[in-house]
Amino acid sequence: MYLQEFTKEIKQKRLTGNWYNFVGVVEGKNIRLKGFKTWLQVYTINGIDNSNCMERSIKQFNNDLIKELQR
């Protein structure tokens, strides 16, 4: 899956207002994610924790979602 497809899918899931999950491979990296609104409670990339704090702004959330995937 490409980064753009991943961010689009997570945005759609986030907008439901419910808990959401994702497990898959994005641009060759293994992703495991569990979130609620802008809180990434569980977010691992190749086994490394990238979880964040609750109540983030949308801009911060989007940055957190992609910053480690772009390395």
N, C-alpha and C. Protein backbone atom coordinates (compact mmCIF):
# COMPACT_ATOMS: atom_id res chain seq x y z
N MET A 1 0.84 -1.17 0.00
CA MET A 1 0.00 0.00 0.00
C MET A 1 0.89 1.24 0.00
N TYR A 2 0.47 2.24 -0.73
CA TYR A 2 1.21 3.50 -0.76
C TYR A 2 0.79 4.41 0.38
N LEU A 3 1.65 5.36 0.73
CA LEU A 3 1.41 6.29 1.83
C LEU A 3 0.10 7.05 1.65
N GLN A 4 -0.16 7.52 0.44
CA GLN A 4 -1.38 8.28 0.18
C GLN A 4 -2.64 7.43 0.43
N GLU A 5 -2.61 6.17 0.03
CA GLU A 5 -3.75 5.27 0.28
C GLU A 5 -3.94 5.04 1.77
N PHE A 6 -2.83 4.87 2.48
CA PHE A 6 -2.86 4.66 3.93
C PHE A 6 -3.48 5.86 4.65
N THR A 7 -3.01 7.05 4.34
CA THR A 7 -3.54 8.24 5.02
C THR A 7 -5.02 8.46 4.70
N LYS A 8 -5.42 8.16 3.49
CA LYS A 8 -6.84 8.29 3.11
C LYS A 8 -7.70 7.30 3.90
N GLU A 9 -7.24 6.06 4.01
CA GLU A 9 -7.99 5.05 4.76
C GLU A 9 -8.10 5.40 6.24
N ILE A 10 -7.01 5.87 6.84
CA ILE A 10 -7.04 6.24 8.25
C ILE A 10 -7.94 7.44 8.47
N LYS A 11 -7.91 8.40 7.56
CA LYS A 11 -8.79 9.57 7.69
C LYS A 11 -10.25 9.14 7.67
N GLN A 12 -10.62 8.27 6.75
CA GLN A 12 -11.99 7.78 6.67
C GLN A 12 -12.39 7.08 7.96
N LYS A 13 -11.51 6.26 8.50
CA LYS A 13 -11.80 5.54 9.74
C LYS A 13 -11.92 6.52 10.91
N ARG A 14 -11.02 7.51 10.98
CA ARG A 14 -11.01 8.47 12.07
C ARG A 14 -12.31 9.28 12.11
N LEU A 15 -12.81 9.63 10.94
CA LEU A 15 -14.02 10.46 10.85
C LEU A 15 -15.29 9.75 11.30
N THR A 16 -15.24 8.44 11.48
CA THR A 16 -16.42 7.72 11.96
C THR A 16 -16.70 8.05 13.42
N GLY A 17 -15.67 8.51 14.15
CA GLY A 17 -15.83 8.83 15.57
C GLY A 17 -15.74 7.63 16.48
N ASN A 18 -15.41 6.48 15.92
CA ASN A 18 -15.27 5.25 16.70
C ASN A 18 -13.81 4.84 16.76
N TRP A 19 -13.54 3.81 17.59
CA TRP A 19 -12.21 3.21 17.58
C TRP A 19 -11.95 2.65 16.19
N TYR A 20 -10.70 2.70 15.75
CA TYR A 20 -10.35 2.14 14.44
C TYR A 20 -9.03 1.40 14.55
N ASN A 21 -8.83 0.46 13.62
CA ASN A 21 -7.63 -0.38 13.60
C ASN A 21 -7.08 -0.46 12.19
N PHE A 22 -5.81 -0.73 12.11
CA PHE A 22 -5.16 -1.00 10.82
C PHE A 22 -3.97 -1.90 11.09
N VAL A 23 -3.86 -2.95 10.32
CA VAL A 23 -2.69 -3.83 10.34
C VAL A 23 -2.36 -4.11 8.88
N GLY A 24 -1.15 -3.77 8.48
CA GLY A 24 -0.77 -3.99 7.10
C GLY A 24 0.62 -3.49 6.81
N VAL A 25 0.95 -3.49 5.53
CA VAL A 25 2.26 -3.05 5.07
C VAL A 25 2.07 -1.79 4.24
N VAL A 26 2.79 -0.74 4.60
CA VAL A 26 2.74 0.54 3.89
C VAL A 26 4.16 0.85 3.43
N GLU A 27 4.34 0.89 2.12
CA GLU A 27 5.64 1.19 1.52
C GLU A 27 6.75 0.33 2.13
N GLY A 28 6.44 -0.95 2.32
CA GLY A 28 7.42 -1.91 2.81
C GLY A 28 7.62 -1.94 4.32
N LYS A 29 6.83 -1.16 5.05
CA LYS A 29 6.95 -1.13 6.51
C LYS A 29 5.72 -1.73 7.16
N ASN A 30 5.93 -2.58 8.16
CA ASN A 30 4.83 -3.23 8.87
C ASN A 30 4.20 -2.24 9.85
N ILE A 31 2.90 -2.04 9.70
CA ILE A 31 2.17 -1.07 10.51
C ILE A 31 1.12 -1.78 11.34
N ARG A 32 1.04 -1.38 12.61
CA ARG A 32 -0.03 -1.83 13.51
C ARG A 32 -0.55 -0.57 14.20
N LEU A 33 -1.85 -0.30 14.06
CA LEU A 33 -2.41 0.94 14.55
C LEU A 33 -3.76 0.71 15.20
N LYS A 34 -3.98 1.35 16.35
CA LYS A 34 -5.28 1.38 17.00
C LYS A 34 -5.47 2.82 17.46
N GLY A 35 -6.57 3.44 17.03
CA GLY A 35 -6.76 4.84 17.37
C GLY A 35 -8.19 5.19 17.68
N PHE A 36 -8.35 6.38 18.24
CA PHE A 36 -9.65 6.96 18.53
C PHE A 36 -9.54 8.46 18.29
N LYS A 37 -10.32 8.96 17.34
CA LYS A 37 -10.22 10.36 16.91
C LYS A 37 -8.76 10.65 16.54
N THR A 38 -8.10 11.62 17.18
CA THR A 38 -6.71 11.93 16.82
C THR A 38 -5.69 11.28 17.75
N TRP A 39 -6.13 10.35 18.56
CA TRP A 39 -5.24 9.65 19.48
C TRP A 39 -4.79 8.34 18.85
N LEU A 40 -3.51 8.20 18.63
CA LEU A 40 -2.94 6.94 18.15
C LEU A 40 -2.48 6.17 19.38
N GLN A 41 -3.39 5.39 19.95
CA GLN A 41 -3.09 4.67 21.19
C GLN A 41 -1.99 3.64 20.96
N VAL A 42 -2.10 2.91 19.88
CA VAL A 42 -1.07 1.94 19.48
C VAL A 42 -0.70 2.28 18.05
N TYR A 43 0.56 2.57 17.83
CA TYR A 43 1.03 2.86 16.47
C TYR A 43 2.48 2.40 16.38
N THR A 44 2.66 1.23 15.79
CA THR A 44 4.01 0.70 15.63
C THR A 44 4.37 0.61 14.15
N ILE A 45 5.61 0.94 13.87
CA ILE A 45 6.15 0.83 12.52
C ILE A 45 7.38 -0.06 12.64
N ASN A 46 7.29 -1.22 12.01
CA ASN A 46 8.36 -2.22 12.11
C ASN A 46 8.73 -2.50 13.56
N GLY A 47 7.72 -2.57 14.43
CA GLY A 47 7.92 -2.92 15.82
C GLY A 47 8.35 -1.78 16.72
N ILE A 48 8.53 -0.58 16.18
CA ILE A 48 8.95 0.58 16.97
C ILE A 48 7.72 1.42 17.31
N ASP A 49 7.57 1.74 18.60
CA ASP A 49 6.41 2.48 19.08
C ASP A 49 6.44 3.93 18.61
N ASN A 50 5.34 4.38 17.99
CA ASN A 50 5.17 5.76 17.55
C ASN A 50 3.86 6.33 18.05
N SER A 51 3.33 5.78 19.14
CA SER A 51 2.06 6.24 19.70
C SER A 51 2.17 7.70 20.10
N ASN A 52 1.00 8.37 20.27
CA ASN A 52 1.03 9.78 20.64
C ASN A 52 0.05 10.09 21.75
N CYS A 53 -0.01 11.34 22.12
CA CYS A 53 -0.89 11.82 23.18
C CYS A 53 -2.32 11.97 22.68
N MET A 54 -3.25 12.05 23.61
CA MET A 54 -4.66 12.27 23.28
C MET A 54 -4.87 13.74 22.91
N GLU A 55 -6.00 14.00 22.23
CA GLU A 55 -6.44 15.36 21.91
C GLU A 55 -5.42 16.16 21.12
N ARG A 56 -4.88 15.57 20.09
CA ARG A 56 -3.96 16.27 19.19
C ARG A 56 -4.78 17.05 18.16
N SER A 57 -4.20 18.10 17.62
CA SER A 57 -4.85 18.80 16.51
C SER A 57 -4.78 17.91 15.27
N ILE A 58 -5.61 18.19 14.29
CA ILE A 58 -5.60 17.40 13.05
C ILE A 58 -4.23 17.52 12.38
N LYS A 59 -3.64 18.70 12.39
CA LYS A 59 -2.33 18.91 11.79
C LYS A 59 -1.27 18.05 12.48
N GLN A 60 -1.27 18.04 13.81
CA GLN A 60 -0.32 17.22 14.56
C GLN A 60 -0.54 15.74 14.29
N PHE A 61 -1.83 15.34 14.26
CA PHE A 61 -2.18 13.95 13.99
C PHE A 61 -1.62 13.51 12.64
N ASN A 62 -1.88 14.30 11.60
CA ASN A 62 -1.42 13.95 10.26
C ASN A 62 0.10 13.89 10.20
N ASN A 63 0.76 14.80 10.87
CA ASN A 63 2.23 14.79 10.92
C ASN A 63 2.73 13.53 11.62
N ASP A 64 2.13 13.19 12.76
CA ASP A 64 2.52 11.98 13.50
C ASP A 64 2.31 10.72 12.65
N LEU A 65 1.24 10.72 11.87
CA LEU A 65 0.89 9.55 11.06
C LEU A 65 1.94 9.26 9.99
N ILE A 66 2.50 10.29 9.38
CA ILE A 66 3.38 10.07 8.24
C ILE A 66 4.87 10.30 8.48
N LYS A 67 5.24 11.00 9.56
CA LYS A 67 6.65 11.42 9.69
C LYS A 67 7.62 10.24 9.68
N GLU A 68 7.33 9.17 10.39
CA GLU A 68 8.26 8.03 10.44
C GLU A 68 8.19 7.19 9.17
N LEU A 69 7.08 7.25 8.45
CA LEU A 69 6.96 6.50 7.21
C LEU A 69 7.74 7.14 6.07
N GLN A 70 8.05 8.41 6.20
CA GLN A 70 8.77 9.12 5.13
C GLN A 70 10.28 9.01 5.28
N ARG A 71 10.76 8.39 6.31
CA ARG A 71 12.21 8.25 6.49
C ARG A 71 12.78 7.17 5.62
